[in-house]
N, C-alpha and C. Protein backbone atom coordinates (compact mmCIF):
# COMPACT_ATOMS: atom_id res chain seq x y z
N MET A 1 -11.45 -7.06 -111.25
CA MET A 1 -12.04 -6.25 -112.30
C MET A 1 -13.55 -6.39 -112.33
N ILE A 2 -14.07 -7.44 -111.73
CA ILE A 2 -15.51 -7.65 -111.74
C ILE A 2 -16.19 -6.67 -110.78
N HIS A 3 -15.52 -6.32 -109.71
CA HIS A 3 -16.13 -5.53 -108.67
C HIS A 3 -15.69 -4.06 -108.68
N SER A 4 -15.53 -3.51 -109.89
CA SER A 4 -15.23 -2.08 -109.99
C SER A 4 -15.62 -1.57 -111.36
N ASP A 5 -15.72 -0.26 -111.44
CA ASP A 5 -15.94 0.41 -112.71
C ASP A 5 -15.16 1.72 -112.66
N ASN A 6 -15.42 2.62 -113.60
CA ASN A 6 -14.68 3.88 -113.65
C ASN A 6 -14.97 4.79 -112.46
N THR A 7 -16.05 4.56 -111.75
CA THR A 7 -16.41 5.39 -110.61
C THR A 7 -15.80 4.90 -109.32
N GLY A 8 -15.61 3.60 -109.18
CA GLY A 8 -15.05 3.05 -107.95
C GLY A 8 -15.44 1.60 -107.76
N VAL A 9 -15.49 1.19 -106.52
CA VAL A 9 -15.79 -0.19 -106.16
C VAL A 9 -17.28 -0.48 -106.38
N VAL A 10 -17.59 -1.69 -106.84
CA VAL A 10 -18.97 -2.17 -106.96
C VAL A 10 -19.04 -3.45 -106.15
N LEU A 11 -19.67 -3.38 -104.97
CA LEU A 11 -19.73 -4.54 -104.08
C LEU A 11 -21.09 -5.23 -104.14
N PRO A 12 -21.09 -6.56 -104.14
CA PRO A 12 -22.36 -7.28 -104.00
C PRO A 12 -22.92 -7.03 -102.60
N PRO A 13 -24.23 -6.99 -102.44
CA PRO A 13 -24.82 -6.70 -101.13
C PRO A 13 -24.35 -7.65 -100.01
N ARG A 14 -24.10 -8.90 -100.32
CA ARG A 14 -23.69 -9.85 -99.27
C ARG A 14 -22.36 -9.49 -98.63
N VAL A 15 -21.44 -8.91 -99.39
CA VAL A 15 -20.11 -8.62 -98.86
C VAL A 15 -19.91 -7.15 -98.48
N ALA A 16 -20.84 -6.30 -98.84
CA ALA A 16 -20.71 -4.87 -98.53
C ALA A 16 -20.86 -4.63 -97.04
N GLN A 17 -19.97 -3.82 -96.49
CA GLN A 17 -20.04 -3.50 -95.07
C GLN A 17 -21.32 -2.72 -94.77
N VAL A 18 -21.68 -1.79 -95.64
CA VAL A 18 -22.95 -1.05 -95.55
C VAL A 18 -23.73 -1.40 -96.81
N GLN A 19 -24.88 -2.04 -96.64
CA GLN A 19 -25.68 -2.45 -97.79
C GLN A 19 -26.54 -1.32 -98.33
N VAL A 20 -27.03 -0.47 -97.44
CA VAL A 20 -27.91 0.63 -97.81
C VAL A 20 -27.48 1.88 -97.07
N VAL A 21 -27.40 2.99 -97.80
CA VAL A 21 -27.14 4.27 -97.16
C VAL A 21 -28.36 5.15 -97.40
N ILE A 22 -28.80 5.83 -96.35
CA ILE A 22 -29.95 6.74 -96.45
C ILE A 22 -29.40 8.16 -96.34
N ILE A 23 -29.70 8.98 -97.35
CA ILE A 23 -29.20 10.35 -97.38
C ILE A 23 -30.39 11.31 -97.35
N PRO A 24 -30.57 12.05 -96.26
CA PRO A 24 -31.61 13.07 -96.20
C PRO A 24 -31.21 14.26 -97.07
N ILE A 25 -32.14 14.73 -97.91
CA ILE A 25 -31.91 15.90 -98.76
C ILE A 25 -32.57 17.08 -98.08
N LEU A 26 -31.77 18.02 -97.62
CA LEU A 26 -32.28 19.15 -96.85
C LEU A 26 -32.08 20.47 -97.59
N PHE A 27 -33.10 21.31 -97.56
CA PHE A 27 -33.02 22.66 -98.10
C PHE A 27 -33.14 23.65 -96.95
N LYS A 28 -32.84 24.91 -97.21
CA LYS A 28 -32.80 25.92 -96.16
C LYS A 28 -34.09 26.05 -95.37
N ASN A 29 -35.22 26.00 -96.05
CA ASN A 29 -36.50 26.22 -95.36
C ASN A 29 -37.18 24.92 -94.90
N ASP A 30 -36.50 23.79 -95.02
CA ASP A 30 -37.06 22.51 -94.58
C ASP A 30 -36.90 22.32 -93.07
N ASP A 31 -37.80 21.54 -92.50
CA ASP A 31 -37.67 21.15 -91.09
C ASP A 31 -36.76 19.93 -91.05
N SER A 32 -35.49 20.16 -90.81
CA SER A 32 -34.50 19.09 -90.90
C SER A 32 -34.72 18.01 -89.86
N LYS A 33 -35.24 18.36 -88.70
CA LYS A 33 -35.45 17.36 -87.65
C LYS A 33 -36.46 16.30 -88.09
N VAL A 34 -37.49 16.72 -88.80
CA VAL A 34 -38.52 15.78 -89.25
C VAL A 34 -37.96 14.84 -90.31
N ILE A 35 -37.26 15.39 -91.28
CA ILE A 35 -36.74 14.57 -92.38
C ILE A 35 -35.65 13.62 -91.88
N VAL A 36 -34.72 14.13 -91.09
CA VAL A 36 -33.65 13.28 -90.55
C VAL A 36 -34.24 12.23 -89.60
N GLY A 37 -35.24 12.62 -88.83
CA GLY A 37 -35.91 11.67 -87.94
C GLY A 37 -36.55 10.54 -88.72
N ARG A 38 -37.19 10.87 -89.83
CA ARG A 38 -37.80 9.83 -90.67
C ARG A 38 -36.74 8.93 -91.28
N ALA A 39 -35.60 9.51 -91.64
CA ALA A 39 -34.50 8.70 -92.18
C ALA A 39 -34.02 7.68 -91.14
N TRP A 40 -33.92 8.11 -89.88
CA TRP A 40 -33.51 7.19 -88.82
C TRP A 40 -34.56 6.13 -88.55
N GLU A 41 -35.85 6.50 -88.66
CA GLU A 41 -36.93 5.51 -88.49
C GLU A 41 -36.84 4.44 -89.58
N LEU A 42 -36.61 4.89 -90.82
CA LEU A 42 -36.48 3.95 -91.94
C LEU A 42 -35.27 3.04 -91.73
N ALA A 43 -34.17 3.61 -91.23
CA ALA A 43 -32.97 2.81 -90.95
C ALA A 43 -33.26 1.76 -89.88
N LYS A 44 -34.03 2.14 -88.88
CA LYS A 44 -34.37 1.20 -87.81
C LYS A 44 -35.19 0.03 -88.37
N GLU A 45 -36.14 0.34 -89.27
CA GLU A 45 -36.95 -0.70 -89.89
C GLU A 45 -36.09 -1.64 -90.73
N LEU A 46 -35.14 -1.08 -91.47
CA LEU A 46 -34.26 -1.91 -92.30
C LEU A 46 -33.33 -2.77 -91.45
N LYS A 47 -32.82 -2.20 -90.35
CA LYS A 47 -31.96 -2.98 -89.45
C LYS A 47 -32.72 -4.15 -88.84
N ALA A 48 -33.99 -3.92 -88.51
CA ALA A 48 -34.82 -4.99 -87.95
C ALA A 48 -35.01 -6.12 -88.97
N ALA A 49 -34.94 -5.77 -90.26
CA ALA A 49 -35.08 -6.77 -91.32
C ALA A 49 -33.75 -7.46 -91.63
N GLY A 50 -32.68 -7.08 -90.91
CA GLY A 50 -31.38 -7.72 -91.10
C GLY A 50 -30.50 -7.08 -92.15
N ILE A 51 -30.80 -5.85 -92.51
CA ILE A 51 -30.01 -5.13 -93.52
C ILE A 51 -29.04 -4.19 -92.83
N ARG A 52 -27.80 -4.18 -93.30
CA ARG A 52 -26.79 -3.27 -92.76
C ARG A 52 -26.99 -1.90 -93.39
N VAL A 53 -27.39 -0.94 -92.59
CA VAL A 53 -27.77 0.38 -93.10
C VAL A 53 -27.09 1.48 -92.30
N GLN A 54 -26.88 2.61 -92.97
CA GLN A 54 -26.30 3.77 -92.30
C GLN A 54 -26.99 5.03 -92.82
N VAL A 55 -27.23 5.99 -91.93
CA VAL A 55 -27.80 7.28 -92.29
C VAL A 55 -26.66 8.28 -92.36
N ASP A 56 -26.54 8.96 -93.49
CA ASP A 56 -25.50 9.98 -93.66
C ASP A 56 -26.15 11.34 -93.45
N ASP A 57 -26.20 11.77 -92.19
CA ASP A 57 -26.82 13.05 -91.86
C ASP A 57 -25.79 14.14 -91.55
N ARG A 58 -24.61 14.01 -92.14
CA ARG A 58 -23.58 15.04 -91.94
C ARG A 58 -24.06 16.36 -92.51
N GLU A 59 -23.90 17.41 -91.74
CA GLU A 59 -24.36 18.74 -92.16
C GLU A 59 -23.30 19.52 -92.92
N ASN A 60 -22.05 19.10 -92.82
CA ASN A 60 -20.97 19.86 -93.44
C ASN A 60 -20.71 19.47 -94.90
N HIS A 61 -21.51 18.55 -95.47
CA HIS A 61 -21.35 18.15 -96.87
C HIS A 61 -22.69 18.24 -97.58
N ASN A 62 -22.65 18.61 -98.86
CA ASN A 62 -23.89 18.67 -99.65
C ASN A 62 -24.23 17.27 -100.17
N PRO A 63 -25.46 17.09 -100.65
CA PRO A 63 -25.87 15.75 -101.11
C PRO A 63 -25.00 15.20 -102.24
N GLY A 64 -24.56 16.03 -103.17
CA GLY A 64 -23.73 15.55 -104.26
C GLY A 64 -22.43 14.92 -103.77
N PHE A 65 -21.81 15.53 -102.77
CA PHE A 65 -20.60 14.98 -102.19
C PHE A 65 -20.89 13.63 -101.55
N LYS A 66 -22.00 13.56 -100.82
CA LYS A 66 -22.37 12.32 -100.14
C LYS A 66 -22.65 11.20 -101.15
N PHE A 67 -23.35 11.53 -102.25
CA PHE A 67 -23.64 10.53 -103.29
C PHE A 67 -22.33 9.97 -103.83
N ALA A 68 -21.42 10.87 -104.21
CA ALA A 68 -20.14 10.44 -104.78
C ALA A 68 -19.32 9.63 -103.76
N ASN A 69 -19.33 10.06 -102.52
CA ASN A 69 -18.58 9.38 -101.46
C ASN A 69 -19.04 7.94 -101.31
N TRP A 70 -20.34 7.73 -101.23
CA TRP A 70 -20.87 6.37 -101.04
C TRP A 70 -20.74 5.54 -102.31
N GLU A 71 -20.79 6.20 -103.47
CA GLU A 71 -20.63 5.49 -104.73
C GLU A 71 -19.21 4.94 -104.86
N VAL A 72 -18.22 5.74 -104.49
CA VAL A 72 -16.83 5.30 -104.55
C VAL A 72 -16.60 4.13 -103.58
N LYS A 73 -17.27 4.16 -102.44
CA LYS A 73 -17.12 3.08 -101.45
C LYS A 73 -17.81 1.79 -101.89
N GLY A 74 -18.68 1.87 -102.91
CA GLY A 74 -19.32 0.69 -103.45
C GLY A 74 -20.60 0.28 -102.76
N THR A 75 -21.22 1.18 -102.01
CA THR A 75 -22.47 0.85 -101.32
C THR A 75 -23.53 0.48 -102.36
N PRO A 76 -24.11 -0.72 -102.27
CA PRO A 76 -25.02 -1.22 -103.30
C PRO A 76 -26.30 -0.40 -103.52
N ILE A 77 -26.88 0.15 -102.45
CA ILE A 77 -28.16 0.86 -102.59
C ILE A 77 -28.10 2.18 -101.83
N ARG A 78 -28.56 3.23 -102.50
CA ARG A 78 -28.65 4.55 -101.87
C ARG A 78 -30.12 4.98 -101.86
N ILE A 79 -30.59 5.39 -100.69
CA ILE A 79 -31.96 5.88 -100.56
C ILE A 79 -31.88 7.37 -100.25
N GLU A 80 -32.60 8.16 -101.05
CA GLU A 80 -32.64 9.61 -100.85
C GLU A 80 -34.03 9.98 -100.36
N ILE A 81 -34.08 10.81 -99.33
CA ILE A 81 -35.38 11.27 -98.83
C ILE A 81 -35.30 12.77 -98.60
N GLY A 82 -36.22 13.49 -99.23
CA GLY A 82 -36.28 14.94 -99.11
C GLY A 82 -37.67 15.39 -98.70
N SER A 83 -37.88 16.69 -98.65
CA SER A 83 -39.17 17.21 -98.19
C SER A 83 -40.30 16.85 -99.15
N LYS A 84 -40.06 16.92 -100.46
CA LYS A 84 -41.09 16.56 -101.43
C LYS A 84 -41.42 15.07 -101.35
N ASP A 85 -40.38 14.26 -101.19
CA ASP A 85 -40.58 12.81 -101.03
C ASP A 85 -41.34 12.52 -99.75
N PHE A 86 -41.02 13.28 -98.71
CA PHE A 86 -41.66 13.10 -97.41
C PHE A 86 -43.16 13.37 -97.52
N GLU A 87 -43.52 14.43 -98.26
CA GLU A 87 -44.94 14.76 -98.44
C GLU A 87 -45.68 13.68 -99.23
N LYS A 88 -45.01 13.10 -100.24
CA LYS A 88 -45.63 12.07 -101.07
C LYS A 88 -45.55 10.68 -100.44
N LYS A 89 -44.81 10.57 -99.32
CA LYS A 89 -44.55 9.29 -98.67
C LYS A 89 -43.83 8.33 -99.62
N GLU A 90 -42.80 8.86 -100.27
CA GLU A 90 -41.99 8.10 -101.20
C GLU A 90 -40.52 8.34 -100.88
N VAL A 91 -39.66 7.54 -101.47
CA VAL A 91 -38.21 7.75 -101.42
C VAL A 91 -37.66 7.49 -102.81
N LYS A 92 -36.47 8.01 -103.07
CA LYS A 92 -35.79 7.74 -104.33
C LYS A 92 -34.68 6.74 -104.04
N VAL A 93 -34.61 5.68 -104.84
CA VAL A 93 -33.63 4.62 -104.65
C VAL A 93 -32.70 4.58 -105.85
N ALA A 94 -31.40 4.50 -105.59
CA ALA A 94 -30.40 4.36 -106.65
C ALA A 94 -29.63 3.07 -106.41
N VAL A 95 -29.54 2.25 -107.44
CA VAL A 95 -28.83 0.98 -107.36
C VAL A 95 -27.44 1.18 -107.96
N ARG A 96 -26.41 0.79 -107.22
CA ARG A 96 -25.03 1.08 -107.62
C ARG A 96 -24.58 0.32 -108.88
N HIS A 97 -24.82 -0.97 -108.95
CA HIS A 97 -24.26 -1.77 -110.04
C HIS A 97 -24.85 -1.46 -111.40
N SER A 98 -26.12 -1.04 -111.43
CA SER A 98 -26.76 -0.77 -112.73
C SER A 98 -26.97 0.72 -112.99
N GLY A 99 -26.87 1.55 -111.95
CA GLY A 99 -27.13 2.97 -112.11
C GLY A 99 -28.61 3.30 -112.19
N GLU A 100 -29.45 2.30 -112.00
CA GLU A 100 -30.90 2.48 -112.08
C GLU A 100 -31.41 3.31 -110.90
N LYS A 101 -32.34 4.23 -111.18
CA LYS A 101 -32.98 5.04 -110.13
C LYS A 101 -34.48 4.92 -110.28
N PHE A 102 -35.15 4.73 -109.16
CA PHE A 102 -36.61 4.65 -109.19
C PHE A 102 -37.17 5.16 -107.89
């Protein structure tokens, strides 16, 4: 009961199979190769730091589905990167256990 809530599993980062998931947010007029490429670069940097990370660049699902999918699996941290974030050189981070976004 400690490691779940009404949404699904809540895993501590040490035991989570995937500690961080990076989800590129793509719109019709965005250059998807640039945004997805940056997501993979960020994943490479995190892997070098010893973090288990995965990029969810599936094209057949919208971002809302991907958010819910990873939330149910209990992934501790979700990083969202879109075209506006790319221009500002920022990312949006969502923490699973607290629901905090920054």
